[in-house]
Amino acid sequence: MLSRIDLPGARPLMFFEAGQLLLQRLRMRAWHASVGAD
């Protein structure tokens, strides 16, 4: 909890970046799946 006081907004940014990476992986997986289906 101390990190939140030291760097306000650092934790939300980490969650945001992690979410973006997760979306990219899901998108790539879905894209490969659609390409494989064709």
PDB file of N, CA and C in Angstrom:
ATOM      1  N   MET A   1       0.834  -1.206   0.000  1.00  0.00           N
ATOM      2  CA  MET A   1       0.000   0.000   0.000  1.00  0.00           C
ATOM      3  C   MET A   1       0.868   1.256   0.000  1.00  0.00           C
ATOM      4  N   LEU A   2       2.105   1.127   0.484  1.00  0.00           N
ATOM      5  CA  LEU A   2       2.993   2.286   0.519  1.00  0.00           C
ATOM      6  C   LEU A   2       3.341   2.736  -0.889  1.00  0.00           C
ATOM      7  N   SER A   3       3.426   1.789  -1.831  1.00  0.00           N
ATOM      8  CA  SER A   3       3.794   2.140  -3.199  1.00  0.00           C
ATOM      9  C   SER A   3       2.760   3.105  -3.786  1.00  0.00           C
ATOM     10  N   ARG A   4       1.508   2.944  -3.367  1.00  0.00           N
ATOM     11  CA  ARG A   4       0.461   3.820  -3.893  1.00  0.00           C
ATOM     12  C   ARG A   4       0.718   5.258  -3.458  1.00  0.00           C
ATOM     13  N   ILE A   5       1.237   5.427  -2.233  1.00  0.00           N
ATOM     14  CA  ILE A   5       1.532   6.770  -1.734  1.00  0.00           C
ATOM     15  C   ILE A   5       2.775   7.321  -2.428  1.00  0.00           C
ATOM     16  N   ASP A   6       3.761   6.436  -2.659  1.00  0.00           N
ATOM     17  CA  ASP A   6       4.989   6.880  -3.311  1.00  0.00           C
ATOM     18  C   ASP A   6       4.722   7.286  -4.755  1.00  0.00           C
ATOM     19  N   LEU A   7       4.008   6.432  -5.474  1.00  0.00           N
ATOM     20  CA  LEU A   7       3.740   6.725  -6.884  1.00  0.00           C
ATOM     21  C   LEU A   7       2.248   6.630  -7.168  1.00  0.00           C
ATOM     22  N   PRO A   8       1.534   7.725  -6.968  1.00  0.00           N
ATOM     23  CA  PRO A   8       0.099   7.715  -7.264  1.00  0.00           C
ATOM     24  C   PRO A   8      -0.121   7.606  -8.766  1.00  0.00           C
ATOM     25  N   GLY A   9      -0.957   6.674  -9.191  1.00  0.00           N
ATOM     26  CA  GLY A   9      -1.210   6.531 -10.625  1.00  0.00           C
ATOM     27  C   GLY A   9      -0.297   5.511 -11.272  1.00  0.00           C
ATOM     28  N   ALA A  10       0.720   5.043 -10.557  1.00  0.00           N
ATOM     29  CA  ALA A  10       1.623   4.045 -11.141  1.00  0.00           C
ATOM     30  C   ALA A  10       0.912   2.694 -11.223  1.00  0.00           C
ATOM     31  N   ARG A  11       0.134   2.380 -10.202  1.00  0.00           N
ATOM     32  CA  ARG A  11      -0.555   1.083 -10.171  1.00  0.00           C
ATOM     33  C   ARG A  11      -1.637   1.007 -11.257  1.00  0.00           C
ATOM     34  N   PRO A  12      -2.491   2.025 -11.397  1.00  0.00           N
ATOM     35  CA  PRO A  12      -3.496   1.997 -12.481  1.00  0.00           C
ATOM     36  C   PRO A  12      -2.826   1.881 -13.837  1.00  0.00           C
ATOM     37  N   LEU A  13      -1.673   2.540 -14.003  1.00  0.00           N
ATOM     38  CA  LEU A  13      -0.961   2.490 -15.285  1.00  0.00           C
ATOM     39  C   LEU A  13      -0.492   1.069 -15.552  1.00  0.00           C
ATOM     40  N   MET A  14      -0.025   0.394 -14.506  1.00  0.00           N
ATOM     41  CA  MET A  14       0.426  -0.992 -14.654  1.00  0.00           C
ATOM     42  C   MET A  14      -0.744  -1.880 -15.085  1.00  0.00           C
ATOM     43  N   PHE A  15      -1.898  -1.676 -14.441  1.00  0.00           N
ATOM     44  CA  PHE A  15      -3.076  -2.466 -14.805  1.00  0.00           C
ATOM     45  C   PHE A  15      -3.485  -2.182 -16.244  1.00  0.00           C
ATOM     46  N   PHE A  16      -3.383  -0.903 -16.641  1.00  0.00           N
ATOM     47  CA  PHE A  16      -3.756  -0.514 -18.006  1.00  0.00           C
ATOM     48  C   PHE A  16      -2.841  -1.187 -19.019  1.00  0.00           C
ATOM     49  N   GLU A  17      -1.530  -1.136 -18.758  1.00  0.00           N
ATOM     50  CA  GLU A  17      -0.567  -1.754 -19.677  1.00  0.00           C
ATOM     51  C   GLU A  17      -0.786  -3.263 -19.750  1.00  0.00           C
ATOM     52  N   ALA A  18      -1.040  -3.876 -18.592  1.00  0.00           N
ATOM     53  CA  ALA A  18      -1.276  -5.328 -18.565  1.00  0.00           C
ATOM     54  C   ALA A  18      -2.530  -5.661 -19.374  1.00  0.00           C
ATOM     55  N   GLY A  19      -3.554  -4.829 -19.250  1.00  0.00           N
ATOM     56  CA  GLY A  19      -4.791  -5.047 -20.003  1.00  0.00           C
ATOM     57  C   GLY A  19      -4.551  -4.935 -21.498  1.00  0.00           C
ATOM     58  N   GLN A  20      -3.725  -3.949 -21.892  1.00  0.00           N
ATOM     59  CA  GLN A  20      -3.423  -3.762 -23.314  1.00  0.00           C
ATOM     60  C   GLN A  20      -2.701  -4.982 -23.859  1.00  0.00           C
ATOM     61  N   LEU A  21      -1.727  -5.496 -23.096  1.00  0.00           N
ATOM     62  CA  LEU A  21      -0.981  -6.679 -23.543  1.00  0.00           C
ATOM     63  C   LEU A  21      -1.926  -7.873 -23.673  1.00  0.00           C
ATOM     64  N   LEU A  22      -2.851  -8.000 -22.709  1.00  0.00           N
ATOM     65  CA  LEU A  22      -3.793  -9.113 -22.740  1.00  0.00           C
ATOM     66  C   LEU A  22      -4.690  -9.008 -23.975  1.00  0.00           C
ATOM     67  N   LEU A  23      -5.154  -7.782 -24.276  1.00  0.00           N
ATOM     68  CA  LEU A  23      -6.007  -7.584 -25.447  1.00  0.00           C
ATOM     69  C   LEU A  23      -5.254  -7.934 -26.719  1.00  0.00           C
ATOM     70  N   GLN A  24      -3.978  -7.537 -26.787  1.00  0.00           N
ATOM     71  CA  GLN A  24      -3.175  -7.842 -27.974  1.00  0.00           C
ATOM     72  C   GLN A  24      -3.065  -9.349 -28.162  1.00  0.00           C
ATOM     73  N   ARG A  25      -2.808 -10.071 -27.066  1.00  0.00           N
ATOM     74  CA  ARG A  25      -2.678 -11.529 -27.167  1.00  0.00           C
ATOM     75  C   ARG A  25      -3.982 -12.153 -27.632  1.00  0.00           C
ATOM     76  N   LEU A  26      -5.111 -11.704 -27.037  1.00  0.00           N
ATOM     77  CA  LEU A  26      -6.407 -12.265 -27.424  1.00  0.00           C
ATOM     78  C   LEU A  26      -6.699 -11.959 -28.887  1.00  0.00           C
ATOM     79  N   ARG A  27      -6.358 -10.733 -29.324  1.00  0.00           N
ATOM     80  CA  ARG A  27      -6.602 -10.344 -30.712  1.00  0.00           C
ATOM     81  C   ARG A  27      -5.786 -11.219 -31.662  1.00  0.00           C
ATOM     82  N   MET A  28      -4.502 -11.416 -31.321  1.00  0.00           N
ATOM     83  CA  MET A  28      -3.640 -12.235 -32.171  1.00  0.00           C
ATOM     84  C   MET A  28      -4.165 -13.667 -32.227  1.00  0.00           C
ATOM     85  N   ARG A  29      -4.606 -14.170 -31.075  1.00  0.00           N
ATOM     86  CA  ARG A  29      -5.116 -15.550 -31.016  1.00  0.00           C
ATOM     87  C   ARG A  29      -6.375 -15.675 -31.876  1.00  0.00           C
ATOM     88  N   ALA A  30      -7.276 -14.702 -31.755  1.00  0.00           N
ATOM     89  CA  ALA A  30      -8.515 -14.733 -32.541  1.00  0.00           C
ATOM     90  C   ALA A  30      -8.194 -14.595 -34.026  1.00  0.00           C
ATOM     91  N   TRP A  31      -7.211 -13.746 -34.351  1.00  0.00           N
ATOM     92  CA  TRP A  31      -6.834 -13.540 -35.755  1.00  0.00           C
ATOM     93  C   TRP A  31      -6.268 -14.826 -36.340  1.00  0.00           C
ATOM     94  N   HIS A  32      -5.381 -15.482 -35.600  1.00  0.00           N
ATOM     95  CA  HIS A  32      -4.796 -16.740 -36.073  1.00  0.00           C
ATOM     96  C   HIS A  32      -5.888 -17.801 -36.223  1.00  0.00           C
ATOM     97  N   ALA A  33      -6.846 -17.793 -35.300  1.00  0.00           N
ATOM     98  CA  ALA A  33      -7.927 -18.775 -35.354  1.00  0.00           C
ATOM     99  C   ALA A  33      -8.768 -18.553 -36.615  1.00  0.00           C
ATOM    100  N   SER A  34      -9.083 -17.287 -36.921  1.00  0.00           N
ATOM    101  CA  SER A  34      -9.893 -16.989 -38.104  1.00  0.00           C
ATOM    102  C   SER A  34      -9.125 -17.336 -39.375  1.00  0.00           C
ATOM    103  N   VAL A  35      -7.828 -17.050 -39.395  1.00  0.00           N
ATOM    104  CA  VAL A  35      -6.998 -17.361 -40.565  1.00  0.00           C
ATOM    105  C   VAL A  35      -6.905 -18.875 -40.745  1.00  0.00           C
ATOM    106  N   GLY A  36      -6.777 -19.600 -39.629  1.00  0.00           N
ATOM    107  CA  GLY A  36      -6.689 -21.056 -39.697  1.00  0.00           C
ATOM    108  C   GLY A  36      -8.007 -21.645 -40.182  1.00  0.00           C
ATOM    109  N   ALA A  37      -9.122 -21.010 -39.828  1.00  0.00           N
ATOM    110  CA  ALA A  37     -10.433 -21.507 -40.238  1.00  0.00           C
ATOM    111  C   ALA A  37     -10.588 -21.372 -41.748  1.00  0.00           C
ATOM    112  N   ASP A  38     -10.081 -20.279 -42.290  1.00  0.00           N
ATOM    113  CA  ASP A  38     -10.156 -20.066 -43.738  1.00  0.00           C
ATOM    114  C   ASP A  38      -9.185 -21.022 -44.426  1.00  0.00           C
TER     115      ASP A  38
END
